[in-house]
Amino acid sequence: MAALIYTLCALTSVACLVLLWRSWRKSGARLLFWSALCFGALSVNNVLLVLDRVVLPTEVDLFDWRLAAALAAVILLLVGLVWEED
């Protein structure tokens, strides 16, 4: 059951990335760009979670990589929010 939830979370974050990217391409709003980059990093985080917990549960520990991806996502969104102060 956990594998299904992890996979659905990864697919949802990829879908958000695609929708935000398409909206940014149409409108050119820079906050959409930063949000898309954030969800790109969150997608990487979720894919690494699936790999870490489902595909390779005992062979490899991807915790540090998942943490780095989550930190990158938060930093990207924070930078976008600070630079887009309008």
PDB file of N, CA and C in Angstrom:
ATOM      1  N   MET A   1       0.810  -1.189   0.000  1.00  0.00           N
ATOM      2  CA  MET A   1       0.000   0.000   0.000  1.00  0.00           C
ATOM      3  C   MET A   1       0.862   1.265   0.000  1.00  0.00           C
ATOM      4  N   ALA A   2       1.964   1.212   0.743  1.00  0.00           N
ATOM      5  CA  ALA A   2       2.853   2.371   0.796  1.00  0.00           C
ATOM      6  C   ALA A   2       3.468   2.653  -0.573  1.00  0.00           C
ATOM      7  N   ALA A   3       3.782   1.616  -1.318  1.00  0.00           N
ATOM      8  CA  ALA A   3       4.362   1.804  -2.650  1.00  0.00           C
ATOM      9  C   ALA A   3       3.389   2.535  -3.564  1.00  0.00           C
ATOM     10  N   LEU A   4       2.124   2.196  -3.453  1.00  0.00           N
ATOM     11  CA  LEU A   4       1.108   2.876  -4.271  1.00  0.00           C
ATOM     12  C   LEU A   4       1.011   4.349  -3.900  1.00  0.00           C
ATOM     13  N   ILE A   5       1.026   4.653  -2.625  1.00  0.00           N
ATOM     14  CA  ILE A   5       0.930   6.047  -2.180  1.00  0.00           C
ATOM     15  C   ILE A   5       2.166   6.829  -2.606  1.00  0.00           C
ATOM     16  N   TYR A   6       3.358   6.259  -2.451  1.00  0.00           N
ATOM     17  CA  TYR A   6       4.578   6.930  -2.884  1.00  0.00           C
ATOM     18  C   TYR A   6       4.544   7.214  -4.383  1.00  0.00           C
ATOM     19  N   THR A   7       4.088   6.250  -5.152  1.00  0.00           N
ATOM     20  CA  THR A   7       4.021   6.410  -6.599  1.00  0.00           C
ATOM     21  C   THR A   7       3.001   7.469  -6.987  1.00  0.00           C
ATOM     22  N   LEU A   8       1.845   7.473  -6.342  1.00  0.00           N
ATOM     23  CA  LEU A   8       0.837   8.488  -6.633  1.00  0.00           C
ATOM     24  C   LEU A   8       1.321   9.885  -6.261  1.00  0.00           C
ATOM     25  N   CYS A   9       2.057  10.010  -5.184  1.00  0.00           N
ATOM     26  CA  CYS A   9       2.626  11.312  -4.812  1.00  0.00           C
ATOM     27  C   CYS A   9       3.637  11.788  -5.848  1.00  0.00           C
ATOM     28  N   ALA A  10       4.450  10.879  -6.338  1.00  0.00           N
ATOM     29  CA  ALA A  10       5.419  11.243  -7.370  1.00  0.00           C
ATOM     30  C   ALA A  10       4.717  11.674  -8.656  1.00  0.00           C
ATOM     31  N   LEU A  11       3.698  10.940  -9.055  1.00  0.00           N
ATOM     32  CA  LEU A  11       2.956  11.298 -10.264  1.00  0.00           C
ATOM     33  C   LEU A  11       2.225  12.632 -10.106  1.00  0.00           C
ATOM     34  N   THR A  12       1.708  12.894  -8.923  1.00  0.00           N
ATOM     35  CA  THR A  12       1.028  14.163  -8.672  1.00  0.00           C
ATOM     36  C   THR A  12       1.988  15.337  -8.745  1.00  0.00           C
ATOM     37  N   SER A  13       3.167  15.190  -8.187  1.00  0.00           N
ATOM     38  CA  SER A  13       4.130  16.291  -8.248  1.00  0.00           C
ATOM     39  C   SER A  13       4.639  16.506  -9.673  1.00  0.00           C
ATOM     40  N   VAL A  14       4.771  15.447 -10.451  1.00  0.00           N
ATOM     41  CA  VAL A  14       5.152  15.609 -11.861  1.00  0.00           C
ATOM     42  C   VAL A  14       4.030  16.306 -12.634  1.00  0.00           C
ATOM     43  N   ALA A  15       2.781  15.954 -12.335  1.00  0.00           N
ATOM     44  CA  ALA A  15       1.649  16.612 -12.997  1.00  0.00           C
ATOM     45  C   ALA A  15       1.609  18.100 -12.645  1.00  0.00           C
ATOM     46  N   CYS A  16       1.862  18.444 -11.394  1.00  0.00           N
ATOM     47  CA  CYS A  16       1.912  19.853 -10.999  1.00  0.00           C
ATOM     48  C   CYS A  16       3.037  20.579 -11.720  1.00  0.00           C
ATOM     49  N   LEU A  17       4.181  19.923 -11.844  1.00  0.00           N
ATOM     50  CA  LEU A  17       5.293  20.508 -12.577  1.00  0.00           C
ATOM     51  C   LEU A  17       4.894  20.811 -14.015  1.00  0.00           C
ATOM     52  N   VAL A  18       4.280  19.864 -14.679  1.00  0.00           N
ATOM     53  CA  VAL A  18       3.891  20.053 -16.086  1.00  0.00           C
ATOM     54  C   VAL A  18       2.863  21.176 -16.220  1.00  0.00           C
ATOM     55  N   LEU A  19       1.872  21.191 -15.344  1.00  0.00           N
ATOM     56  CA  LEU A  19       0.843  22.219 -15.432  1.00  0.00           C
ATOM     57  C   LEU A  19       1.400  23.613 -15.136  1.00  0.00           C
ATOM     58  N   LEU A  20       2.261  23.723 -14.145  1.00  0.00           N
ATOM     59  CA  LEU A  20       2.875  25.019 -13.848  1.00  0.00           C
ATOM     60  C   LEU A  20       3.779  25.477 -14.979  1.00  0.00           C
ATOM     61  N   TRP A  21       4.531  24.554 -15.567  1.00  0.00           N
ATOM     62  CA  TRP A  21       5.431  24.901 -16.666  1.00  0.00           C
ATOM     63  C   TRP A  21       4.638  25.391 -17.880  1.00  0.00           C
ATOM     64  N   ARG A  22       3.543  24.685 -18.200  1.00  0.00           N
ATOM     65  CA  ARG A  22       2.704  25.095 -19.330  1.00  0.00           C
ATOM     66  C   ARG A  22       2.072  26.458 -19.078  1.00  0.00           C
ATOM     67  N   SER A  23       1.640  26.711 -17.860  1.00  0.00           N
ATOM     68  CA  SER A  23       1.059  28.016 -17.529  1.00  0.00           C
ATOM     69  C   SER A  23       2.096  29.115 -17.629  1.00  0.00           C
ATOM     70  N   TRP A  24       3.317  28.837 -17.185  1.00  0.00           N
ATOM     71  CA  TRP A  24       4.379  29.838 -17.293  1.00  0.00           C
ATOM     72  C   TRP A  24       4.699  30.145 -18.751  1.00  0.00           C
ATOM     73  N   ARG A  25       4.735  29.107 -19.595  1.00  0.00           N
ATOM     74  CA  ARG A  25       5.039  29.316 -21.016  1.00  0.00           C
ATOM     75  C   ARG A  25       3.972  30.179 -21.682  1.00  0.00           C
ATOM     76  N   LYS A  26       2.722  30.048 -21.268  1.00  0.00           N
ATOM     77  CA  LYS A  26       1.643  30.841 -21.862  1.00  0.00           C
ATOM     78  C   LYS A  26       1.601  32.260 -21.324  1.00  0.00           C
ATOM     79  N   SER A  27       1.771  32.414 -20.014  1.00  0.00           N
ATOM     80  CA  SER A  27       1.581  33.738 -19.421  1.00  0.00           C
ATOM     81  C   SER A  27       2.886  34.513 -19.206  1.00  0.00           C
ATOM     82  N   GLY A  28       3.963  33.809 -18.970  1.00  0.00           N
ATOM     83  CA  GLY A  28       5.237  34.476 -18.723  1.00  0.00           C
ATOM     84  C   GLY A  28       5.388  34.993 -17.297  1.00  0.00           C
ATOM     85  N   ALA A  29       4.462  34.647 -16.410  1.00  0.00           N
ATOM     86  CA  ALA A  29       4.552  35.076 -15.013  1.00  0.00           C
ATOM     87  C   ALA A  29       5.723  34.358 -14.340  1.00  0.00           C
ATOM     88  N   ARG A  30       6.622  35.142 -13.796  1.00  0.00           N
ATOM     89  CA  ARG A  30       7.847  34.562 -13.258  1.00  0.00           C
ATOM     90  C   ARG A  30       7.614  33.722 -12.010  1.00  0.00           C
ATOM     91  N   LEU A  31       6.581  34.031 -11.242  1.00  0.00           N
ATOM     92  CA  LEU A  31       6.297  33.219 -10.058  1.00  0.00           C
ATOM     93  C   LEU A  31       5.885  31.802 -10.448  1.00  0.00           C
ATOM     94  N   LEU A  32       5.215  31.655 -11.582  1.00  0.00           N
ATOM     95  CA  LEU A  32       4.903  30.315 -12.088  1.00  0.00           C
ATOM     96  C   LEU A  32       6.180  29.559 -12.443  1.00  0.00           C
ATOM     97  N   PHE A  33       7.159  30.276 -12.985  1.00  0.00           N
ATOM     98  CA  PHE A  33       8.448  29.665 -13.320  1.00  0.00           C
ATOM     99  C   PHE A  33       9.126  29.103 -12.067  1.00  0.00           C
ATOM    100  N   TRP A  34       9.175  29.923 -11.011  1.00  0.00           N
ATOM    101  CA  TRP A  34       9.826  29.475  -9.777  1.00  0.00           C
ATOM    102  C   TRP A  34       9.050  28.342  -9.123  1.00  0.00           C
ATOM    103  N   SER A  35       7.731  28.404  -9.214  1.00  0.00           N
ATOM    104  CA  SER A  35       6.910  27.320  -8.657  1.00  0.00           C
ATOM    105  C   SER A  35       7.125  26.022  -9.436  1.00  0.00           C
ATOM    106  N   ALA A  36       7.268  26.134 -10.757  1.00  0.00           N
ATOM    107  CA  ALA A  36       7.538  24.947 -11.567  1.00  0.00           C
ATOM    108  C   ALA A  36       8.894  24.340 -11.206  1.00  0.00           C
ATOM    109  N   LEU A  37       9.888  25.191 -11.002  1.00  0.00           N
ATOM    110  CA  LEU A  37      11.200  24.677 -10.595  1.00  0.00           C
ATOM    111  C   LEU A  37      11.116  23.999  -9.227  1.00  0.00           C
ATOM    112  N   CYS A  38      10.347  24.585  -8.318  1.00  0.00           N
ATOM    113  CA  CYS A  38      10.162  23.977  -6.999  1.00  0.00           C
ATOM    114  C   CYS A  38       9.529  22.598  -7.134  1.00  0.00           C
ATOM    115  N   PHE A  39       8.485  22.501  -7.941  1.00  0.00           N
ATOM    116  CA  PHE A  39       7.837  21.197  -8.106  1.00  0.00           C
ATOM    117  C   PHE A  39       8.712  20.225  -8.886  1.00  0.00           C
ATOM    118  N   GLY A  40       9.622  20.730  -9.704  1.00  0.00           N
ATOM    119  CA  GLY A  40      10.590  19.845 -10.347  1.00  0.00           C
ATOM    120  C   GLY A  40      11.494  19.191  -9.312  1.00  0.00           C
ATOM    121  N   ALA A  41      11.965  19.990  -8.361  1.00  0.00           N
ATOM    122  CA  ALA A  41      12.804  19.433  -7.298  1.00  0.00           C
ATOM    123  C   ALA A  41      11.992  18.511  -6.380  1.00  0.00           C
ATOM    124  N   LEU A  42      10.726  18.865  -6.131  1.00  0.00           N
ATOM    125  CA  LEU A  42       9.879  17.982  -5.330  1.00  0.00           C
ATOM    126  C   LEU A  42       9.594  16.675  -6.061  1.00  0.00           C
ATOM    127  N   SER A  43       9.498  16.740  -7.385  1.00  0.00           N
ATOM    128  CA  SER A  43       9.316  15.516  -8.166  1.00  0.00           C
ATOM    129  C   SER A  43      10.540  14.613  -8.045  1.00  0.00           C
ATOM    130  N   VAL A  44      11.707  15.228  -8.117  1.00  0.00           N
ATOM    131  CA  VAL A  44      12.943  14.452  -7.927  1.00  0.00           C
ATOM    132  C   VAL A  44      12.946  13.820  -6.536  1.00  0.00           C
ATOM    133  N   ASN A  45      12.531  14.596  -5.542  1.00  0.00           N
ATOM    134  CA  ASN A  45      12.461  14.079  -4.180  1.00  0.00           C
ATOM    135  C   ASN A  45      11.524  12.879  -4.094  1.00  0.00           C
ATOM    136  N   ASN A  46      10.355  12.972  -4.718  1.00  0.00           N
ATOM    137  CA  ASN A  46       9.396  11.872  -4.649  1.00  0.00           C
ATOM    138  C   ASN A  46       9.855  10.643  -5.434  1.00  0.00           C
ATOM    139  N   VAL A  47      10.502  10.864  -6.562  1.00  0.00           N
ATOM    140  CA  VAL A  47      11.035   9.720  -7.315  1.00  0.00           C
ATOM    141  C   VAL A  47      12.142   9.037  -6.520  1.00  0.00           C
ATOM    142  N   LEU A  48      12.980   9.831  -5.865  1.00  0.00           N
ATOM    143  CA  LEU A  48      14.010   9.235  -5.011  1.00  0.00           C
ATOM    144  C   LEU A  48      13.396   8.482  -3.837  1.00  0.00           C
ATOM    145  N   LEU A  49      12.263   8.976  -3.327  1.00  0.00           N
ATOM    146  CA  LEU A  49      11.576   8.266  -2.253  1.00  0.00           C
ATOM    147  C   LEU A  49      11.074   6.907  -2.727  1.00  0.00           C
ATOM    148  N   VAL A  50      10.512   6.860  -3.924  1.00  0.00           N
ATOM    149  CA  VAL A  50      10.055   5.579  -4.476  1.00  0.00           C
ATOM    150  C   VAL A  50      11.238   4.642  -4.657  1.00  0.00           C
ATOM    151  N   LEU A  51      12.335   5.156  -5.192  1.00  0.00           N
ATOM    152  CA  LEU A  51      13.523   4.318  -5.370  1.00  0.00           C
ATOM    153  C   LEU A  51      14.060   3.834  -4.028  1.00  0.00           C
ATOM    154  N   ASP A  52      14.086   4.715  -3.045  1.00  0.00           N
ATOM    155  CA  ASP A  52      14.665   4.388  -1.744  1.00  0.00           C
ATOM    156  C   ASP A  52      13.816   3.389  -0.968  1.00  0.00           C
ATOM    157  N   ARG A  53      12.509   3.556  -0.982  1.00  0.00           N
ATOM    158  CA  ARG A  53      11.634   2.733  -0.145  1.00  0.00           C
ATOM    159  C   ARG A  53      11.061   1.508  -0.848  1.00  0.00           C
ATOM    160  N   VAL A  54      10.909   1.572  -2.189  1.00  0.00           N
ATOM    161  CA  VAL A  54      10.234   0.484  -2.895  1.00  0.00           C
ATOM    162  C   VAL A  54      11.207  -0.340  -3.732  1.00  0.00           C
ATOM    163  N   VAL A  55      11.983   0.340  -4.574  1.00  0.00           N
ATOM    164  CA  VAL A  55      12.837  -0.378  -5.532  1.00  0.00           C
ATOM    165  C   VAL A  55      14.105  -0.912  -4.856  1.00  0.00           C
ATOM    166  N   LEU A  56      14.782  -0.068  -4.107  1.00  0.00           N
ATOM    167  CA  LEU A  56      16.050  -0.460  -3.479  1.00  0.00           C
ATOM    168  C   LEU A  56      15.983  -0.272  -1.954  1.00  0.00           C
ATOM    169  N   PRO A  57      15.137  -0.997  -1.251  1.00  0.00           N
ATOM    170  CA  PRO A  57      14.947  -0.710   0.185  1.00  0.00           C
ATOM    171  C   PRO A  57      16.147  -1.035   1.062  1.00  0.00           C
ATOM    172  N   THR A  58      16.943  -2.015   0.697  1.00  0.00           N
ATOM    173  CA  THR A  58      18.057  -2.392   1.570  1.00  0.00           C
ATOM    174  C   THR A  58      19.424  -2.141   0.955  1.00  0.00           C
ATOM    175  N   GLU A  59      19.484  -1.998  -0.376  1.00  0.00           N
ATOM    176  CA  GLU A  59      20.784  -1.873  -1.031  1.00  0.00           C
ATOM    177  C   GLU A  59      21.405  -0.492  -0.876  1.00  0.00           C
ATOM    178  N   VAL A  60      20.576   0.552  -1.021  1.00  0.00           N
ATOM    179  CA  VAL A  60      21.100   1.915  -1.057  1.00  0.00           C
ATOM    180  C   VAL A  60      20.262   2.784  -0.127  1.00  0.00           C
ATOM    181  N   ASP A  61      20.938   3.709   0.565  1.00  0.00           N
ATOM    182  CA  ASP A  61      20.230   4.691   1.387  1.00  0.00           C
ATOM    183  C   ASP A  61      20.270   6.036   0.674  1.00  0.00           C
ATOM    184  N   LEU A  62      19.122   6.487   0.212  1.00  0.00           N
ATOM    185  CA  LEU A  62      19.036   7.741  -0.536  1.00  0.00           C
ATOM    186  C   LEU A  62      18.506   8.886   0.316  1.00  0.00           C
ATOM    187  N   PHE A  63      18.578   8.757   1.615  1.00  0.00           N
ATOM    188  CA  PHE A  63      18.019   9.775   2.494  1.00  0.00           C
ATOM    189  C   PHE A  63      18.675  11.138   2.280  1.00  0.00           C
ATOM    190  N   ASP A  64      20.001  11.156   2.185  1.00  0.00           N
ATOM    191  CA  ASP A  64      20.707  12.433   2.002  1.00  0.00           C
ATOM    192  C   ASP A  64      20.342  13.086   0.672  1.00  0.00           C
ATOM    193  N   TRP A  65      20.192  12.291  -0.372  1.00  0.00           N
ATOM    194  CA  TRP A  65      19.810  12.832  -1.677  1.00  0.00           C
ATOM    195  C   TRP A  65      18.384  13.364  -1.644  1.00  0.00           C
ATOM    196  N   ARG A  66      17.492  12.670  -0.960  1.00  0.00           N
ATOM    197  CA  ARG A  66      16.110  13.139  -0.834  1.00  0.00           C
ATOM    198  C   ARG A  66      16.055  14.441  -0.051  1.00  0.00           C
ATOM    199  N   LEU A  67      16.850  14.523   0.999  1.00  0.00           N
ATOM    200  CA  LEU A  67      16.901  15.733   1.800  1.00  0.00           C
ATOM    201  C   LEU A  67      17.453  16.902   0.995  1.00  0.00           C
ATOM    202  N   ALA A  68      18.461  16.647   0.175  1.00  0.00           N
ATOM    203  CA  ALA A  68      19.027  17.708  -0.672  1.00  0.00           C
ATOM    204  C   ALA A  68      18.012  18.187  -1.713  1.00  0.00           C
ATOM    205  N   ALA A  69      17.249  17.276  -2.280  1.00  0.00           N
ATOM    206  CA  ALA A  69      16.231  17.663  -3.257  1.00  0.00           C
ATOM    207  C   ALA A  69      15.127  18.490  -2.603  1.00  0.00           C
ATOM    208  N   ALA A  70      14.716  18.112  -1.405  1.00  0.00           N
ATOM    209  CA  ALA A  70      13.687  18.871  -0.689  1.00  0.00           C
ATOM    210  C   ALA A  70      14.209  20.261  -0.318  1.00  0.00           C
ATOM    211  N   LEU A  71      15.457  20.343   0.106  1.00  0.00           N
ATOM    212  CA  LEU A  71      16.057  21.636   0.426  1.00  0.00           C
ATOM    213  C   LEU A  71      16.148  22.512  -0.813  1.00  0.00           C
ATOM    214  N   ALA A  72      16.525  21.930  -1.935  1.00  0.00           N
ATOM    215  CA  ALA A  72      16.592  22.690  -3.180  1.00  0.00           C
ATOM    216  C   ALA A  72      15.213  23.211  -3.572  1.00  0.00           C
ATOM    217  N   ALA A  73      14.179  22.414  -3.375  1.00  0.00           N
ATOM    218  CA  ALA A  73      12.817  22.843  -3.707  1.00  0.00           C
ATOM    219  C   ALA A  73      12.404  24.038  -2.857  1.00  0.00           C
ATOM    220  N   VAL A  74      12.676  23.982  -1.575  1.00  0.00           N
ATOM    221  CA  VAL A  74      12.304  25.073  -0.685  1.00  0.00           C
ATOM    222  C   VAL A  74      13.100  26.330  -1.018  1.00  0.00           C
ATOM    223  N   ILE A  75      14.370  26.177  -1.302  1.00  0.00           N
ATOM    224  CA  ILE A  75      15.207  27.329  -1.646  1.00  0.00           C
ATOM    225  C   ILE A  75      14.736  27.960  -2.951  1.00  0.00           C
ATOM    226  N   LEU A  76      14.397  27.146  -3.939  1.00  0.00           N
ATOM    227  CA  LEU A  76      13.912  27.687  -5.207  1.00  0.00           C
ATOM    228  C   LEU A  76      12.624  28.483  -5.028  1.00  0.00           C
ATOM    229  N   LEU A  77      11.703  27.957  -4.254  1.00  0.00           N
ATOM    230  CA  LEU A  77      10.459  28.679  -4.028  1.00  0.00           C
ATOM    231  C   LEU A  77      10.698  29.935  -3.207  1.00  0.00           C
ATOM    232  N   LEU A  78      11.582  29.879  -2.243  1.00  0.00           N
ATOM    233  CA  LEU A  78      11.897  31.050  -1.432  1.00  0.00           C
ATOM    234  C   LEU A  78      12.548  32.142  -2.278  1.00  0.00           C
ATOM    235  N   VAL A  79      13.469  31.762  -3.133  1.00  0.00           N
ATOM    236  CA  VAL A  79      14.101  32.740  -4.026  1.00  0.00           C
ATOM    237  C   VAL A  79      13.059  33.366  -4.940  1.00  0.00           C
ATOM    238  N   GLY A  80      12.175  32.555  -5.479  1.00  0.00           N
ATOM    239  CA  GLY A  80      11.124  33.086  -6.343  1.00  0.00           C
ATOM    240  C   GLY A  80      10.204  34.034  -5.616  1.00  0.00           C
ATOM    241  N   LEU A  81       9.848  33.728  -4.376  1.00  0.00           N
ATOM    242  CA  LEU A  81       8.976  34.605  -3.615  1.00  0.00           C
ATOM    243  C   LEU A  81       9.658  35.908  -3.237  1.00  0.00           C
ATOM    244  N   VAL A  82      10.949  35.860  -2.933  1.00  0.00           N
ATOM    245  CA  VAL A  82      11.667  37.065  -2.559  1.00  0.00           C
ATOM    246  C   VAL A  82      11.899  37.956  -3.781  1.00  0.00           C
ATOM    247  N   TRP A  83      12.269  37.382  -4.913  1.00  0.00           N
ATOM    248  CA  TRP A  83      12.543  38.184  -6.106  1.00  0.00           C
ATOM    249  C   TRP A  83      11.282  38.735  -6.737  1.00  0.00           C
ATOM    250  N   GLU A  84      10.158  38.080  -6.543  1.00  0.00           N
ATOM    251  CA  GLU A  84       8.894  38.536  -7.121  1.00  0.00           C
ATOM    252  C   GLU A  84       8.085  39.284  -6.071  1.00  0.00           C
ATOM    253  N   GLU A  85       8.615  40.380  -5.582  1.00  0.00           N
ATOM    254  CA  GLU A  85       7.966  41.114  -4.512  1.00  0.00           C
ATOM    255  C   GLU A  85       6.902  42.068  -5.002  1.00  0.00           C
ATOM    256  N   ASP A  86       6.678  42.171  -6.284  1.00  0.00           N
ATOM    257  CA  ASP A  86       5.712  43.120  -6.833  1.00  0.00           C
ATOM    258  C   ASP A  86       4.380  42.956  -6.204  1.00  0.00           C
TER     259      ASP A  86
END
